[in-house]
Protein backbone atom coordinates (compact mmCIF):
# COMPACT_ATOMS: atom_id res chain seq x y z
CA MET A 1 126.05 140.15 15.88
CA LYS A 2 123.33 141.26 13.62
CA LEU A 3 124.51 138.84 11.03
CA SER A 4 124.22 135.78 13.44
CA ALA A 5 120.83 136.75 14.62
CA PHE A 6 119.80 137.13 10.97
CA LEU A 7 121.14 133.65 10.07
CA SER A 8 119.31 132.06 13.12
CA LEU A 9 116.14 133.80 12.13
CA LEU A 10 116.52 132.53 8.58
CA ALA A 11 117.14 129.00 9.81
CA LEU A 12 113.92 129.12 11.86
CA VAL A 13 111.98 130.40 8.76
CA LEU A 14 113.33 127.79 6.62
CA GLN A 15 112.44 125.05 9.10
CA GLU A 16 108.96 126.25 9.53
CA ALA A 17 108.52 126.40 5.85
CA GLY A 18 109.78 122.87 5.39
CA THR A 19 107.56 121.62 8.03
CA THR A 20 104.51 123.39 6.49
CA SER A 21 105.23 122.00 3.10
CA LEU A 22 105.33 118.35 4.18
CA PRO A 23 102.32 116.01 3.70
CA GLY A 24 99.82 115.76 6.43
CA LYS A 25 100.87 112.31 7.48
CA GLU A 26 104.62 113.07 7.58
CA ARG A 27 104.02 116.20 9.56
CA LYS A 28 101.89 114.33 12.12
CA ARG A 29 104.62 111.79 12.53
CA ARG A 30 107.19 114.29 13.19
CA GLU A 31 105.05 116.14 15.81
CA ASP A 32 104.43 112.80 17.51
CA GLN A 33 108.19 112.11 17.43
CA LYS A 34 108.94 115.52 19.08
CA HIS A 35 106.31 114.97 21.62
CA LYS A 36 107.77 111.56 22.52
CA ASP A 37 111.34 113.22 22.85
CA HIS A 38 110.00 115.87 25.01
CA SER A 39 108.43 113.39 27.38
CA SER A 40 111.54 111.18 27.44
CA ARG A 41 113.64 114.26 28.46
CA THR A 42 111.15 115.17 30.91
CA ALA A 43 111.06 111.69 32.46
CA LEU A 44 114.76 111.63 32.61
CA ARG A 45 115.02 114.98 34.50
CA LEU A 46 112.39 113.82 36.95
CA GLU A 47 114.19 110.58 37.72
CA ASN A 48 117.37 112.67 38.56
CA TYR A 49 115.36 115.24 40.47
CA VAL A 50 115.34 114.54 44.35
CA PRO A 51 112.92 116.80 45.99
CA SER A 52 113.87 118.53 49.26
CA LEU A 53 111.99 120.44 51.94
CA ASP A 54 112.85 123.75 50.26
CA SER A 55 111.67 122.71 46.94
CA TYR A 56 108.44 120.78 48.15
CA ASP A 57 106.26 123.77 47.59
CA GLU A 58 107.65 124.00 44.02
CA VAL A 59 106.59 120.38 43.35
CA ILE A 60 103.01 120.48 44.65
CA ASP A 61 102.16 123.86 43.73
CA LEU A 62 99.89 123.68 40.57
CA SER A 63 98.16 127.04 41.01
CA HIS A 64 99.93 128.47 38.12
CA HIS A 65 99.61 125.46 35.85
CA GLU A 66 97.30 125.87 32.82
CA PRO A 67 96.01 122.65 31.26
CA THR A 68 96.74 122.26 27.58
CA ASP A 69 93.98 121.21 25.33
CA HIS A 70 95.20 118.50 22.96
CA ARG A 71 91.84 117.72 21.24
CA ASP A 72 93.00 119.55 18.17
CA GLN A 73 95.72 117.05 17.86
CA LEU A 74 93.80 113.87 17.92
CA PRO A 75 92.82 112.31 14.46
CA GLU A 76 89.36 112.72 13.36
CA VAL A 77 87.47 109.42 13.05
CA LYS A 78 84.71 109.28 10.55
CA GLY A 79 82.16 106.35 10.55
CA THR A 80 78.52 105.34 10.60
CA SER A 81 76.69 104.64 13.81
CA LEU A 82 75.78 101.03 14.38
CA PRO A 83 72.32 100.04 15.55
CA PRO A 84 72.06 98.84 19.11
CA PRO A 85 72.18 94.93 19.40
CA THR A 86 68.90 93.08 19.53
CA SER A 87 68.42 91.46 22.84
CA VAL A 88 67.48 87.68 22.84
CA SER A 89 65.78 86.40 25.77
CA SER A 90 67.08 83.12 27.18
CA THR A 91 63.79 81.41 26.47
CA GLN A 92 63.69 82.50 22.89
CA SER A 93 64.99 79.84 20.34
CA LEU A 94 68.07 80.57 18.39
CA PHE A 95 66.60 78.91 15.31
CA ALA A 96 63.89 80.30 13.25
CA PRO A 97 60.62 78.19 13.68
CA ARG A 98 59.86 76.05 10.60
CA THR A 99 56.78 77.38 8.71
CA PRO A 100 54.80 75.22 6.34
CA SER A 101 55.31 75.82 2.62
CA SER A 102 52.80 77.91 0.89
CA ASN A 103 52.61 75.28 -1.76
CA LEU A 104 51.39 72.60 0.73
CA THR A 105 47.67 72.23 1.49
CA MET A 106 46.36 69.98 4.21
CA THR A 107 43.46 67.67 2.97
CA ARG A 108 41.28 65.34 4.64
CA PRO A 109 42.29 61.65 4.03
CA THR A 110 39.86 59.88 1.60
CA PRO A 111 38.15 56.89 3.25
CA LEU A 112 39.15 53.54 2.06
CA THR A 113 36.51 52.01 -0.30
CA ARG A 114 36.03 48.45 -1.40
CA PRO A 115 37.38 47.88 -4.88
CA THR A 116 34.79 47.54 -7.48
CA THR A 117 36.79 44.81 -9.40
CA LEU A 118 38.57 42.10 -7.47
CA GLY A 119 40.67 40.47 -10.26
CA LEU A 120 41.70 36.98 -9.28
CA LEU A 121 40.29 37.29 -5.89
CA GLY A 122 36.73 37.16 -7.39
CA SER A 123 33.61 39.02 -6.32
CA PRO A 124 32.32 39.17 -2.72
CA THR A 125 30.64 36.04 -1.40
CA SER A 126 27.63 35.94 0.90
CA HIS A 127 30.25 36.56 3.65
CA GLY A 128 31.21 39.97 2.13
CA LEU A 129 34.59 38.76 1.33
CA PRO A 130 36.17 37.94 -1.99
CA THR A 131 35.92 34.24 -2.99
CA CYS A 132 39.57 33.65 -2.82
CA LEU A 133 39.74 34.77 0.68
CA VAL A 134 36.93 32.42 1.76
CA CYS A 135 38.01 29.70 -0.42
CA VAL A 136 41.33 28.51 -1.46
CA CYS A 137 42.40 29.20 -5.10
CA LEU A 138 45.26 27.25 -6.45
CA GLY A 139 45.89 27.89 -10.13
CA SER A 140 42.59 26.97 -11.96
CA SER A 141 41.17 25.11 -9.03
CA VAL A 142 38.97 26.64 -6.37
CA TYR A 143 38.36 24.93 -3.00
CA CYS A 144 35.35 25.99 -1.05
CA ASP A 145 34.78 22.92 1.02
CA ASP A 146 33.08 23.35 4.44
CA ALA A 147 32.85 27.19 4.06
CA ASP A 148 29.26 27.57 5.19
CA LEU A 149 28.18 28.86 1.76
CA GLN A 150 24.48 29.16 0.83
CA ASN A 151 25.04 29.91 -2.83
CA ILE A 152 27.61 29.35 -5.62
CA PRO A 153 30.23 31.91 -5.03
CA PRO A 154 31.43 34.17 -7.90
CA LEU A 155 34.43 32.47 -9.40
CA PRO A 156 37.46 33.78 -11.40
CA LYS A 157 37.04 33.37 -15.00
CA THR A 158 40.02 31.02 -15.18
CA THR A 159 38.23 28.41 -12.90
CA ALA A 160 38.53 24.92 -14.30
CA TYR A 161 37.91 22.77 -11.18
CA LEU A 162 35.40 23.75 -8.40
CA TYR A 163 35.05 21.94 -5.07
CA ALA A 164 32.25 23.28 -2.87
CA ARG A 165 31.48 20.22 -0.82
CA PHE A 166 29.90 20.18 2.73
CA ASN A 167 28.14 23.47 2.46
CA ARG A 168 24.44 24.68 2.67
CA ILE A 169 23.85 25.50 -0.96
CA SER A 170 20.18 24.81 -1.82
CA HIS A 171 19.80 26.18 -5.29
CA ILE A 172 21.95 26.59 -8.40
CA ARG A 173 20.91 29.53 -10.52
CA ALA A 174 21.11 30.12 -14.31
CA GLY A 175 23.88 32.68 -13.97
CA ASP A 176 26.00 30.93 -11.21
CA PHE A 177 28.56 29.66 -13.91
CA LYS A 178 27.93 32.24 -16.61
CA GLY A 179 31.07 32.88 -18.61
CA LEU A 180 33.08 30.02 -17.04
CA THR A 181 33.86 28.56 -20.27
CA LYS A 182 36.90 26.64 -18.94
CA LEU A 183 34.99 24.87 -16.20
CA LYS A 184 35.72 21.10 -16.48
CA ARG A 185 34.73 19.66 -13.04
CA ILE A 186 31.96 20.64 -10.50
CA ASP A 187 31.82 18.90 -7.27
CA LEU A 188 28.97 20.04 -4.92
CA SER A 189 28.80 16.85 -2.82
CA SER A 190 26.87 16.91 0.62
CA ASN A 191 24.96 20.13 0.36
CA PHE A 192 21.09 20.80 0.28
CA ILE A 193 20.59 21.28 -3.35
CA SER A 194 16.99 20.73 -4.22
CA SER A 195 16.82 22.33 -7.77
CA ILE A 196 19.10 23.46 -10.66
CA ASP A 197 17.98 25.89 -13.36
CA ASP A 198 17.91 24.28 -16.79
CA ASP A 199 20.37 26.88 -18.17
CA ALA A 200 22.69 26.73 -15.23
CA LEU A 201 24.88 23.88 -16.73
CA ARG A 202 23.83 23.61 -20.45
CA LEU A 203 26.15 26.25 -21.69
CA LEU A 204 29.36 24.81 -20.15
CA PRO A 205 31.15 23.37 -23.26
CA ASP A 206 34.18 21.84 -21.42
CA LEU A 207 32.27 20.46 -18.45
CA LYS A 208 33.16 16.79 -18.04
CA ASP A 209 32.57 15.82 -14.43
CA LEU A 210 29.33 16.71 -12.49
CA ILE A 211 29.45 15.42 -9.03
CA LEU A 212 26.24 15.94 -6.96
CA PRO A 213 25.83 13.09 -4.33
CA GLU A 214 24.25 13.59 -1.08
CA ASN A 215 21.84 16.35 -2.07
CA GLN A 216 17.90 16.63 -2.42
CA LEU A 217 17.46 16.66 -6.00
CA ALA A 218 14.25 15.49 -7.44
CA ALA A 219 14.85 16.12 -11.15
CA LEU A 220 17.88 16.51 -13.39
CA PRO A 221 18.46 19.69 -15.36
CA VAL A 222 19.44 19.91 -19.10
CA LEU A 223 23.06 18.66 -19.16
CA PRO A 224 25.90 19.75 -21.53
CA THR A 225 26.62 17.31 -24.26
CA GLY A 226 30.39 16.90 -23.42
CA ILE A 227 29.83 15.53 -20.02
CA GLU A 228 31.54 12.17 -19.10
CA VAL A 229 30.92 11.58 -15.47
CA LEU A 230 27.44 12.15 -13.79
CA ASP A 231 27.13 11.23 -10.09
CA VAL A 232 23.71 11.92 -8.57
CA ARG A 233 23.73 9.28 -5.91
CA LEU A 234 21.84 9.68 -2.53
CA ASN A 235 19.44 12.20 -3.88
CA ARG A 236 15.64 12.07 -4.14
CA LEU A 237 15.62 11.59 -7.82
CA ARG A 238 12.43 10.04 -9.47
CA SER A 239 12.00 8.69 -12.91
CA SER A 240 9.45 11.49 -13.67
CA GLY A 241 12.27 13.85 -12.98
CA ILE A 242 14.47 12.67 -15.83
CA GLN A 243 13.44 13.92 -19.18
CA PRO A 244 12.88 11.49 -22.08
CA GLU A 245 16.06 10.69 -24.01
CA ALA A 246 17.96 12.84 -21.50
CA PHE A 247 21.01 10.68 -21.82
CA LYS A 248 20.77 9.72 -25.55
CA ALA A 249 22.65 12.91 -26.83
CA LEU A 250 25.43 12.52 -24.31
CA GLU A 251 27.71 10.75 -26.74
CA ARG A 252 30.84 10.94 -24.26
CA LEU A 253 29.06 9.79 -21.04
CA ARG A 254 30.95 7.00 -19.67
CA PHE A 255 29.95 6.73 -15.96
CA LEU A 256 26.28 7.20 -14.71
CA TYR A 257 25.71 6.76 -10.96
CA LEU A 258 22.07 7.05 -10.03
CA ALA A 259 22.12 4.69 -6.91
CA ASP A 260 20.23 5.38 -3.72
CA ASN A 261 17.35 7.40 -5.16
CA LEU A 262 13.58 6.80 -5.86
CA LEU A 263 13.77 5.62 -9.44
CA GLU A 264 10.88 3.26 -10.52
CA SER A 265 12.38 2.33 -13.92
CA ILE A 266 15.81 2.11 -15.87
CA PRO A 267 16.21 5.36 -17.67
CA GLY A 268 16.92 5.20 -21.46
CA PRO A 269 17.90 5.09 -24.10
CA LEU A 270 21.57 5.05 -22.89
CA PRO A 271 24.42 6.20 -25.11
CA LEU A 272 26.71 3.68 -26.65
CA SER A 273 29.75 5.29 -24.87
CA LEU A 274 28.47 4.13 -21.38
CA ARG A 275 30.74 1.79 -19.34
CA SER A 276 29.35 1.88 -15.96
CA LEU A 277 25.67 2.20 -14.72
CA HIS A 278 24.88 2.09 -11.10
CA LEU A 279 21.14 1.84 -10.25
CA GLN A 280 21.24 -0.09 -6.90
CA ASN A 281 18.97 0.71 -3.95
CA ASN A 282 16.10 2.31 -5.94
CA ARG A 283 12.51 1.20 -6.45
CA ILE A 284 12.92 -0.56 -9.90
CA GLU A 285 10.41 -3.47 -10.30
CA THR A 286 10.34 -4.15 -14.03
CA MET A 287 12.58 -3.67 -17.08
CA GLN A 288 11.90 -3.08 -20.87
CA ARG A 289 13.28 -5.61 -23.31
CA ASP A 290 15.18 -2.65 -25.06
CA ALA A 291 16.58 -1.21 -21.83
CA PHE A 292 20.11 -2.35 -22.84
CA CYS A 293 19.96 -4.13 -26.24
CA ASP A 294 18.09 -3.58 -29.50
CA PRO A 295 15.69 -6.64 -29.79
CA GLU A 296 15.47 -6.37 -33.60
CA GLU A 297 19.35 -6.48 -34.05
CA HIS A 298 20.53 -9.61 -32.36
CA LYS A 299 24.02 -9.23 -33.89
CA TYR A 300 24.48 -5.98 -31.93
CA THR A 301 26.83 -6.13 -28.90
CA ARG A 302 27.49 -3.49 -26.35
CA ARG A 303 31.10 -4.42 -25.30
CA ARG A 304 31.82 -1.20 -23.35
CA LEU A 305 28.97 -1.63 -20.73
CA GLU A 306 30.55 -4.08 -18.37
CA ASP A 307 29.32 -2.81 -15.05
CA ILE A 308 25.58 -2.70 -14.38
CA ARG A 309 24.32 -2.73 -10.88
CA LEU A 310 20.73 -3.40 -9.96
CA ASP A 311 21.08 -4.97 -6.63
CA GLY A 312 18.91 -3.52 -3.71
CA ASN A 313 15.88 -3.18 -6.06
CA PRO A 314 12.70 -5.31 -5.87
CA ILE A 315 13.06 -6.48 -9.62
CA ASN A 316 13.70 -10.07 -10.32
CA LEU A 317 16.36 -10.10 -13.11
CA GLY A 318 15.55 -13.74 -13.95
CA LEU A 319 12.32 -12.70 -15.64
CA PHE A 320 13.94 -10.60 -18.33
CA PRO A 321 16.56 -12.96 -20.00
CA SER A 322 16.16 -11.42 -23.47
CA ALA A 323 17.22 -8.03 -22.11
CA TYR A 324 20.97 -9.10 -21.58
CA PHE A 325 21.99 -10.76 -24.86
CA CYS A 326 24.00 -7.81 -26.14
CA LEU A 327 25.94 -7.30 -22.81
CA PRO A 328 29.32 -8.74 -22.24
CA ARG A 329 28.23 -9.76 -18.72
CA LEU A 330 25.04 -10.00 -16.62
CA PRO A 331 23.93 -7.24 -14.33
CA THR A 332 24.47 -7.47 -10.65
CA GLY A 333 21.19 -8.16 -8.72
CA ARG A 334 18.55 -10.64 -7.71
CA PHE A 335 17.70 -13.35 -10.25
CA ALA A 336 15.26 -15.52 -8.39
């Protein structure tokens, strides 16, 4: 009897020692397993237990029951506390507002200013606009017809042909064509030009055609030596307004149109290159013997000058027969 009791006690001690020597996790697992087995056995007993009126007090009497505190059996949870969530109102945007970069600075816009150099457009005209906006610029030609101009507009340096007809230009200044060394033709028909500065045209080496009809000129300026066509019809030109030997140095002059003016005599001497001379509708009454020919050199002939018009003048061409001997044909006019 004592031996069996001793063995039972030894078994309990060994069991307790084995349980104590187990790791914490294993010991906890076994305790949970025992608890589950105990609960299962209790549940099975309750299912088979049918209460009766005699045992009813035994069922509901909980006065001798002492609650068991199992808090020491719960695993300890270590952690850090989280901050409470920040509340976001319904009207608050979910996106952060865009803020301007610190590198960007707001500056006042600079007002537009008129460019100081206009290049091919040229300088501003009397209208306050560049020449090639008021006129039409095509290559080296500038067309300013009927543009209500009062002065010669500043022109591009490449201008070779200028047409400024039907305007209100009254005076040509010395600097109007300054630097325009490529200018070949100037057509200022139907303006109100009454005067031209002497230096306005003299320094144009390539000028060949000067067209000035229907103006109010009373005198001619100094002309460039390379000119070939001079048209001053329908002006107020007088003989006193043409300098002596004004045409003699113009060795390339071929066409000289001085009709419908106030001339009292035939200008001369005329260059040998001349082919056409129009002097109709003036006030010419007389003629010099050397107006066209050299009276001392009778073998001299002027074969190029085939077109001379003196009609519409009061002169009687029949009174000056020795003046035409060097011409290939007689002038047009009245001979009686």
